[in-house]
Amino acid sequence: MLPVMFGFLAMGFIDMIGLVTNNVRADFNMSDGMVNTISLSCYLWFLLLSIPVGMALTKWGRKKMVVLSLALHVAALLLPYFYYSFASVLIAFSLIGIGNTVLQVAMNPLVTDVVDPGRVTSTITFGQATKAFGSIVAPVIALWTATVLGKWQLLFLIYAGLSLLGLIWLWLTPIEEQPREQKKVGFKDTLVLLGDKDILAFFWGIVVLVAADVAVNMTLPRLVTDEFGLTTEKANLCNSIYFTARTIAAFAGGALLLKVSDKKFFAAGCSLALLGLVLLAVFGNIGLVPTLIAVCIFGIGYANLFGIVFSFAMRKAPGKANEVSALLIVGLIGGAILPPVLGWIRDISGSQIAAIIAIAVVWLYMIWLTGRVKKVQDPC
């Protein structure tokens, strides 16, 4: 199980996109609209490759696909370290997007091959916590490499080394993949699910969730830099606070969901996240501490929503779990759509607060979705 956990750790490397874009913007004096195209180059691949990767799992096997994804991470992370430019970062995150798409699709099925059926859910939960750890420590490593070693780009080299370690460890670990008697996930089989109004609503829910998460991740360090004069390195640490709040809330939410209706929990989480965004817009130019409290409130509300939406969609089509999963992973394209739009809003308005307000407006979809989930049948 340990080498499989390295895959989850590498999955979290994609969350350093907020830190990297903030540094690239400062290093090359770029506009928000231009630098936010990094997210487009990264998250576009979830739209293009999720379903083909799901089909490839049957042919090539889960372990080989995860090893391939880690190899892509190594290549991607080495490129901007040895040749640092906006173009190299753009290419690097494109490769990270491809590798992460493979990881998102292949990792959970691989878990079923290394643990007993009764431990799958807990193992995946632990894997998500491992993923979050990769998100939390990136700003800390970047601050250390910048202040102590004088080069924040060493973060790329450290993460490349971790990816290589995980690749070698997983490759040398014998894993017997269990055969699955099921048809391959095809484009037609997947896309036809959008004809179900509820599944379509949940798909857009995933799009909004990922879009808002990536947008906050990228906007927060710029907000505290512009409004409170923090250095780039210290501003990036604010993302660690955000991801820490999310991680703690995810563990607490997992326990609460054993006692509380997931529909009520979902409604409360969506409302709390909206409150966090509203407070972030209000306090974003007033004080640093209130700003960080506001983003933590958003993170706490957000923490468990992705998994809950996934479970709601699965209940609507329990006999087509593979198709539903592949379709919802396509929804990660949300990370490519909203950040560039927010960059243009910031360039036009001259304020990061305008970008936060735009995120809150988009989030209103999640408030609408709370009414839709009331119609979802409870599990037996």
Protein backbone atom coordinates (compact mmCIF):
# COMPACT_ATOMS: atom_id res chain seq x y z
CA MET A 1 0.00 0.00 0.00
CA LEU A 2 2.86 2.43 0.74
CA PRO A 3 4.10 2.82 -2.85
CA VAL A 4 0.48 3.35 -3.90
CA MET A 5 0.28 6.21 -1.37
CA PHE A 6 3.15 7.89 -3.24
CA GLY A 7 0.78 8.10 -6.19
CA PHE A 8 -1.71 10.04 -4.08
CA LEU A 9 1.12 12.29 -2.89
CA ALA A 10 2.05 13.05 -6.50
CA MET A 11 -1.61 13.73 -7.24
CA GLY A 12 -1.39 16.67 -4.84
CA PHE A 13 1.51 18.25 -6.74
CA ILE A 14 -1.00 19.83 -9.12
CA ASP A 15 -2.16 22.11 -6.30
CA MET A 16 1.14 23.99 -6.36
CA ILE A 17 -0.22 25.74 -9.45
CA GLY A 18 -1.35 28.69 -7.32
CA LEU A 19 2.13 29.09 -5.81
CA VAL A 20 3.87 28.74 -9.17
CA THR A 21 1.65 31.18 -11.05
CA ASN A 22 2.11 33.73 -8.27
CA ASN A 23 5.90 33.41 -8.55
CA VAL A 24 5.85 33.46 -12.35
CA ARG A 25 3.71 36.61 -12.31
CA ALA A 26 6.27 38.31 -10.03
CA ASP A 27 9.38 36.97 -11.79
CA PHE A 28 8.32 37.96 -15.31
CA ASN A 29 6.06 40.91 -14.43
CA MET A 30 3.06 39.37 -16.20
CA SER A 31 -0.62 40.29 -16.19
CA ASP A 32 -3.09 38.06 -14.36
CA GLY A 33 -4.90 37.25 -17.60
CA MET A 34 -1.74 35.93 -19.23
CA VAL A 35 -0.28 34.02 -16.28
CA ASN A 36 -3.61 32.30 -15.54
CA THR A 37 -3.35 30.49 -18.90
CA ILE A 38 -1.10 28.08 -16.98
CA SER A 39 -4.26 26.62 -15.41
CA LEU A 40 -5.79 26.25 -18.87
CA SER A 41 -2.77 24.29 -20.13
CA CYS A 42 -3.01 22.03 -17.08
CA TYR A 43 -6.69 21.28 -16.53
CA LEU A 44 -7.68 21.09 -20.21
CA TRP A 45 -6.38 17.51 -20.27
CA PHE A 46 -9.07 16.31 -17.89
CA LEU A 47 -11.57 17.10 -20.64
CA LEU A 48 -9.55 15.51 -23.42
CA LEU A 49 -8.08 12.40 -21.74
CA SER A 50 -10.27 11.18 -18.86
CA ILE A 51 -12.41 8.84 -20.95
CA PRO A 52 -9.54 7.56 -23.19
CA VAL A 53 -7.47 6.83 -20.06
CA GLY A 54 -10.38 4.89 -18.59
CA MET A 55 -10.48 2.80 -21.76
CA ALA A 56 -6.69 2.30 -21.69
CA LEU A 57 -6.75 0.85 -18.18
CA THR A 58 -8.26 -2.36 -19.49
CA LYS A 59 -5.56 -2.76 -22.12
CA TRP A 60 -2.41 -1.63 -20.29
CA GLY A 61 -3.22 -2.26 -16.64
CA ARG A 62 -3.52 0.08 -13.68
CA LYS A 63 0.00 -0.20 -12.29
CA LYS A 64 1.62 0.56 -15.67
CA MET A 65 -0.62 3.57 -16.17
CA VAL A 66 0.27 4.97 -12.73
CA VAL A 67 3.99 4.40 -13.43
CA LEU A 68 3.55 6.26 -16.74
CA SER A 69 1.87 9.16 -14.95
CA LEU A 70 4.74 9.42 -12.45
CA ALA A 71 7.25 9.43 -15.32
CA LEU A 72 5.35 12.35 -16.86
CA HIS A 73 5.54 14.16 -13.51
CA VAL A 74 9.31 13.68 -13.35
CA ALA A 75 9.82 15.04 -16.87
CA ALA A 76 7.41 17.93 -16.25
CA LEU A 77 9.04 19.01 -12.99
CA LEU A 78 12.62 18.85 -14.28
CA LEU A 79 11.91 21.08 -17.28
CA PRO A 80 11.27 24.40 -15.45
CA TYR A 81 14.08 23.71 -13.00
CA PHE A 82 16.75 23.46 -15.68
CA TYR A 83 15.17 26.02 -18.01
CA TYR A 84 12.97 28.50 -16.17
CA SER A 85 10.70 30.58 -18.40
CA PHE A 86 7.00 31.18 -18.83
CA ALA A 87 6.99 28.81 -21.82
CA SER A 88 8.72 26.03 -19.87
CA VAL A 89 6.27 26.40 -16.96
CA LEU A 90 3.37 26.30 -19.43
CA ILE A 91 4.70 23.06 -20.96
CA ALA A 92 5.48 21.60 -17.54
CA PHE A 93 1.96 22.09 -16.24
CA SER A 94 0.54 20.69 -19.44
CA LEU A 95 2.52 17.49 -18.75
CA ILE A 96 1.46 17.57 -15.09
CA GLY A 97 -2.16 17.86 -16.25
CA ILE A 98 -1.76 14.79 -18.46
CA GLY A 99 -0.06 12.83 -15.69
CA ASN A 100 -2.61 13.88 -13.10
CA THR A 101 -5.48 12.85 -15.36
CA VAL A 102 -4.00 9.36 -15.52
CA LEU A 103 -3.52 9.33 -11.73
CA GLN A 104 -7.10 10.47 -11.02
CA VAL A 105 -8.56 7.76 -13.25
CA ALA A 106 -6.20 4.87 -12.38
CA MET A 107 -5.36 5.32 -8.70
CA ASN A 108 -8.64 4.36 -7.04
CA PRO A 109 -9.02 1.13 -9.06
CA LEU A 110 -5.38 0.26 -8.22
CA VAL A 111 -6.21 0.56 -4.51
CA THR A 112 -8.72 -2.28 -4.91
CA ASP A 113 -5.85 -4.53 -5.99
CA VAL A 114 -3.70 -3.97 -2.90
CA VAL A 115 -6.17 -4.00 0.02
CA ASP A 116 -9.09 -6.10 1.17
CA PRO A 117 -12.52 -4.97 -0.06
CA GLY A 118 -13.52 -3.84 3.41
CA ARG A 119 -10.56 -1.46 3.61
CA VAL A 120 -10.92 0.22 0.22
CA THR A 121 -12.91 3.25 1.41
CA SER A 122 -10.63 3.94 4.38
CA THR A 123 -7.53 3.51 2.19
CA ILE A 124 -8.81 5.96 -0.41
CA THR A 125 -9.64 8.42 2.38
CA PHE A 126 -6.09 8.08 3.70
CA GLY A 127 -4.85 8.55 0.13
CA GLN A 128 -6.75 11.82 -0.15
CA ALA A 129 -5.13 12.97 3.10
CA THR A 130 -1.74 12.09 1.61
CA LYS A 131 -2.66 14.11 -1.48
CA ALA A 132 -3.55 17.06 0.72
CA PHE A 133 -0.16 16.83 2.46
CA GLY A 134 1.52 17.41 -0.91
CA SER A 135 -0.62 20.53 -1.31
CA ILE A 136 0.10 21.85 2.19
CA VAL A 137 3.91 21.55 2.20
CA ALA A 138 4.61 23.06 -1.25
CA PRO A 139 4.53 26.72 -0.05
CA VAL A 140 6.66 25.79 2.98
CA ILE A 141 9.26 24.12 0.78
CA ALA A 142 9.21 27.06 -1.64
CA LEU A 143 9.77 29.52 1.23
CA TRP A 144 12.66 27.44 2.59
CA THR A 145 14.35 27.01 -0.79
CA ALA A 146 13.93 30.73 -1.55
CA THR A 147 15.18 32.10 1.76
CA VAL A 148 17.78 29.49 2.73
CA LEU A 149 18.98 28.23 -0.66
CA GLY A 150 18.17 31.34 -2.68
CA LYS A 151 16.14 29.61 -5.40
CA TRP A 152 12.45 28.76 -5.03
CA GLN A 153 12.58 26.69 -8.23
CA LEU A 154 14.30 23.94 -6.19
CA LEU A 155 10.73 22.98 -5.31
CA PHE A 156 10.48 21.48 -8.81
CA LEU A 157 13.60 19.39 -8.22
CA ILE A 158 12.40 18.12 -4.83
CA TYR A 159 9.01 17.12 -6.19
CA ALA A 160 10.66 15.50 -9.23
CA GLY A 161 12.81 13.44 -6.85
CA LEU A 162 9.75 12.34 -4.89
CA SER A 163 7.96 11.38 -8.11
CA LEU A 164 10.98 9.36 -9.26
CA LEU A 165 11.16 7.60 -5.88
CA GLY A 166 7.48 6.73 -6.10
CA LEU A 167 7.89 5.50 -9.68
CA ILE A 168 10.79 3.16 -8.82
CA TRP A 169 9.12 1.88 -5.64
CA LEU A 170 5.83 1.11 -7.39
CA TRP A 171 7.58 -0.47 -10.41
CA LEU A 172 9.56 -2.83 -8.13
CA THR A 173 6.49 -3.74 -6.08
CA PRO A 174 4.67 -6.83 -7.41
CA ILE A 175 0.93 -6.16 -7.63
CA GLU A 176 -1.49 -8.77 -8.88
CA GLU A 177 -4.27 -6.92 -10.63
CA GLN A 178 -7.61 -8.61 -10.28
CA PRO A 179 -9.48 -9.21 -13.55
CA ARG A 180 -12.76 -7.34 -13.88
CA GLU A 181 -15.64 -8.76 -15.86
CA GLN A 182 -17.04 -5.50 -17.19
CA LYS A 183 -17.28 -3.67 -20.47
CA LYS A 184 -14.92 -0.88 -21.31
CA VAL A 185 -16.01 2.69 -20.80
CA GLY A 186 -16.66 4.22 -24.20
CA PHE A 187 -17.38 7.76 -25.28
CA LYS A 188 -20.98 7.03 -26.22
CA ASP A 189 -21.67 5.06 -23.03
CA THR A 190 -20.35 7.96 -20.97
CA LEU A 191 -21.77 10.98 -22.76
CA VAL A 192 -25.29 9.51 -22.97
CA LEU A 193 -25.48 9.91 -19.17
CA LEU A 194 -25.73 13.66 -19.65
CA GLY A 195 -29.28 13.01 -20.80
CA ASP A 196 -30.17 12.44 -17.15
CA LYS A 197 -30.94 15.89 -15.74
CA ASP A 198 -29.68 15.01 -12.27
CA ILE A 199 -26.36 13.60 -13.50
CA LEU A 200 -25.96 16.65 -15.75
CA ALA A 201 -26.53 18.86 -12.69
CA PHE A 202 -23.92 16.92 -10.68
CA PHE A 203 -21.45 17.12 -13.57
CA TRP A 204 -21.72 20.91 -13.54
CA GLY A 205 -21.39 20.73 -9.78
CA ILE A 206 -17.97 19.10 -10.19
CA VAL A 207 -17.03 21.75 -12.78
CA VAL A 208 -17.94 24.55 -10.33
CA LEU A 209 -16.24 22.84 -7.36
CA VAL A 210 -12.92 22.43 -9.15
CA ALA A 211 -13.14 25.87 -10.76
CA ALA A 212 -13.71 27.55 -7.39
CA ASP A 213 -10.95 25.58 -5.66
CA VAL A 214 -8.32 26.36 -8.30
CA ALA A 215 -9.49 29.98 -8.48
CA VAL A 216 -9.13 30.50 -4.71
CA ASN A 217 -5.78 28.69 -4.76
CA MET A 218 -4.48 31.07 -7.45
CA THR A 219 -6.16 34.29 -6.30
CA LEU A 220 -5.45 34.17 -2.54
CA PRO A 221 -1.66 34.74 -2.63
CA ARG A 222 -2.08 37.59 -5.13
CA LEU A 223 -4.79 39.17 -2.97
CA VAL A 224 -2.62 39.27 0.16
CA THR A 225 0.36 40.47 -1.89
CA ASP A 226 -1.56 43.33 -3.51
CA GLU A 227 -3.55 44.39 -0.44
CA PHE A 228 -1.17 43.78 2.46
CA GLY A 229 2.26 43.97 0.86
CA LEU A 230 3.40 40.44 1.72
CA THR A 231 6.41 39.03 -0.11
CA THR A 232 5.68 36.40 -2.73
CA GLU A 233 7.07 33.61 -0.52
CA LYS A 234 5.02 34.61 2.54
CA ALA A 235 1.90 35.12 0.44
CA ASN A 236 2.22 31.55 -0.84
CA LEU A 237 2.07 30.29 2.76
CA CYS A 238 -1.55 31.45 2.88
CA ASN A 239 -2.39 28.55 0.58
CA SER A 240 -0.93 26.17 3.18
CA ILE A 241 -3.38 27.62 5.72
CA TYR A 242 -6.23 27.09 3.25
CA PHE A 243 -5.28 23.47 2.50
CA THR A 244 -4.71 22.72 6.19
CA ALA A 245 -8.23 23.91 7.02
CA ARG A 246 -9.60 21.75 4.23
CA THR A 247 -7.69 18.68 5.39
CA ILE A 248 -8.82 18.96 9.01
CA ALA A 249 -12.40 19.55 7.89
CA ALA A 250 -12.25 16.52 5.60
CA PHE A 251 -11.33 14.21 8.48
CA ALA A 252 -13.97 15.77 10.75
CA GLY A 253 -16.55 15.59 7.97
CA GLY A 254 -15.88 11.91 7.43
CA ALA A 255 -16.83 11.26 11.05
CA LEU A 256 -19.88 13.56 10.97
CA LEU A 257 -21.25 11.91 7.83
CA LEU A 258 -21.66 8.71 9.86
CA LYS A 259 -24.30 10.50 11.95
CA VAL A 260 -25.64 13.33 9.77
CA SER A 261 -27.61 13.09 6.53
CA ASP A 262 -25.31 13.72 3.58
CA LYS A 263 -28.01 15.92 2.00
CA LYS A 264 -28.14 18.21 5.04
CA PHE A 265 -24.34 18.11 5.28
CA PHE A 266 -24.07 19.10 1.63
CA ALA A 267 -26.43 22.05 2.06
CA ALA A 268 -24.55 23.23 5.16
CA GLY A 269 -21.19 22.91 3.40
CA CYS A 270 -22.32 24.89 0.35
CA SER A 271 -23.76 27.66 2.53
CA LEU A 272 -20.64 27.82 4.74
CA ALA A 273 -18.39 28.03 1.68
CA LEU A 274 -20.48 30.88 0.27
CA LEU A 275 -20.21 32.68 3.61
CA GLY A 276 -16.43 32.30 3.41
CA LEU A 277 -16.34 33.84 -0.07
CA VAL A 278 -18.55 36.75 0.98
CA LEU A 279 -16.35 37.42 4.03
CA LEU A 280 -13.25 37.13 1.83
CA ALA A 281 -14.64 39.83 -0.46
CA VAL A 282 -15.51 42.03 2.53
CA PHE A 283 -12.28 41.59 4.51
CA GLY A 284 -9.91 41.12 1.56
CA ASN A 285 -8.71 44.72 1.75
CA ILE A 286 -9.26 45.32 5.47
CA GLY A 287 -6.95 42.97 7.36
CA LEU A 288 -4.77 39.89 6.84
CA VAL A 289 -6.09 37.87 9.80
CA PRO A 290 -9.80 38.33 8.87
CA THR A 291 -8.88 37.42 5.28
CA LEU A 292 -7.26 34.17 6.39
CA ILE A 293 -10.20 33.36 8.67
CA ALA A 294 -12.55 33.90 5.71
CA VAL A 295 -10.60 31.58 3.42
CA CYS A 296 -10.50 28.94 6.17
CA ILE A 297 -14.30 29.16 6.45
CA PHE A 298 -14.54 28.58 2.71
CA GLY A 299 -12.13 25.62 2.97
CA ILE A 300 -14.08 24.04 5.83
CA GLY A 301 -17.34 24.32 3.90
CA TYR A 302 -15.74 23.05 0.70
CA ALA A 303 -13.80 20.12 2.16
CA ASN A 304 -16.27 17.24 1.69
CA LEU A 305 -18.42 18.48 -1.19
CA PHE A 306 -16.50 16.80 -4.03
CA GLY A 307 -16.93 13.32 -2.58
CA ILE A 308 -20.58 13.92 -1.72
CA VAL A 309 -21.42 15.02 -5.27
CA PHE A 310 -19.63 11.90 -6.55
CA SER A 311 -21.76 9.68 -4.31
CA PHE A 312 -25.00 11.43 -5.35
CA ALA A 313 -24.19 10.85 -9.03
CA MET A 314 -23.35 7.18 -8.38
CA ARG A 315 -26.73 6.65 -6.76
CA LYS A 316 -28.50 7.93 -9.87
CA ALA A 317 -26.86 5.24 -12.04
CA PRO A 318 -25.56 2.46 -9.75
CA GLY A 319 -25.13 0.05 -12.67
CA LYS A 320 -22.87 2.43 -14.59
CA ALA A 321 -20.29 3.35 -11.97
CA ASN A 322 -17.37 3.39 -14.43
CA GLU A 323 -19.17 5.64 -16.88
CA VAL A 324 -20.29 8.05 -14.14
CA SER A 325 -16.78 8.20 -12.67
CA ALA A 326 -15.16 8.93 -16.03
CA LEU A 327 -17.74 11.61 -16.80
CA LEU A 328 -17.25 13.39 -13.47
CA ILE A 329 -13.45 13.36 -13.85
CA VAL A 330 -14.02 15.24 -17.12
CA GLY A 331 -15.60 17.90 -14.91
CA LEU A 332 -12.15 18.80 -13.59
CA ILE A 333 -11.96 20.95 -16.73
CA GLY A 334 -13.47 23.59 -14.45
CA GLY A 335 -9.93 24.33 -13.30
CA ALA A 336 -9.10 25.47 -16.83
CA ILE A 337 -12.16 27.67 -17.38
CA LEU A 338 -12.55 30.06 -14.45
CA PRO A 339 -8.96 31.19 -13.59
CA PRO A 340 -8.23 32.82 -16.99
CA VAL A 341 -11.58 34.65 -16.80
CA LEU A 342 -10.70 35.88 -13.30
CA GLY A 343 -7.33 37.05 -14.58
CA TRP A 344 -9.02 39.22 -17.19
CA ILE A 345 -11.45 40.54 -14.55
CA ARG A 346 -8.49 41.49 -12.36
CA ASP A 347 -6.68 43.17 -15.26
CA ILE A 348 -9.78 45.19 -16.19
CA SER A 349 -10.91 46.11 -12.67
CA GLY A 350 -7.48 46.43 -11.07
CA SER A 351 -8.71 44.55 -7.98
CA GLN A 352 -8.44 40.97 -6.76
CA ILE A 353 -11.66 41.61 -4.78
CA ALA A 354 -13.54 41.67 -8.10
CA ALA A 355 -12.19 38.17 -8.81
CA ILE A 356 -13.40 36.94 -5.39
CA ILE A 357 -16.86 38.38 -6.07
CA ALA A 358 -16.92 36.55 -9.42
CA ILE A 359 -16.09 33.26 -7.65
CA ALA A 360 -18.96 33.88 -5.22
CA VAL A 361 -21.36 34.47 -8.12
CA VAL A 362 -20.30 31.19 -9.75
CA TRP A 363 -20.70 29.45 -6.38
CA LEU A 364 -24.41 30.32 -6.37
CA TYR A 365 -24.82 27.29 -8.63
CA MET A 366 -23.88 25.07 -5.66
CA ILE A 367 -26.60 26.75 -3.58
CA TRP A 368 -29.09 25.93 -6.36
CA LEU A 369 -27.79 22.35 -6.44
CA THR A 370 -28.77 21.82 -2.80
CA GLY A 371 -32.39 21.77 -3.97
CA ARG A 372 -31.61 19.17 -6.63
CA VAL A 373 -29.97 16.71 -4.20
CA LYS A 374 -33.16 16.44 -2.14
CA LYS A 375 -34.57 14.28 -4.95
CA VAL A 376 -31.69 11.80 -4.85
CA GLN A 377 -32.70 8.43 -3.41
CA ASP A 378 -30.98 7.55 -0.14
CA PRO A 379 -28.76 4.42 -0.18
CA CYS A 380 -30.31 1.22 1.14
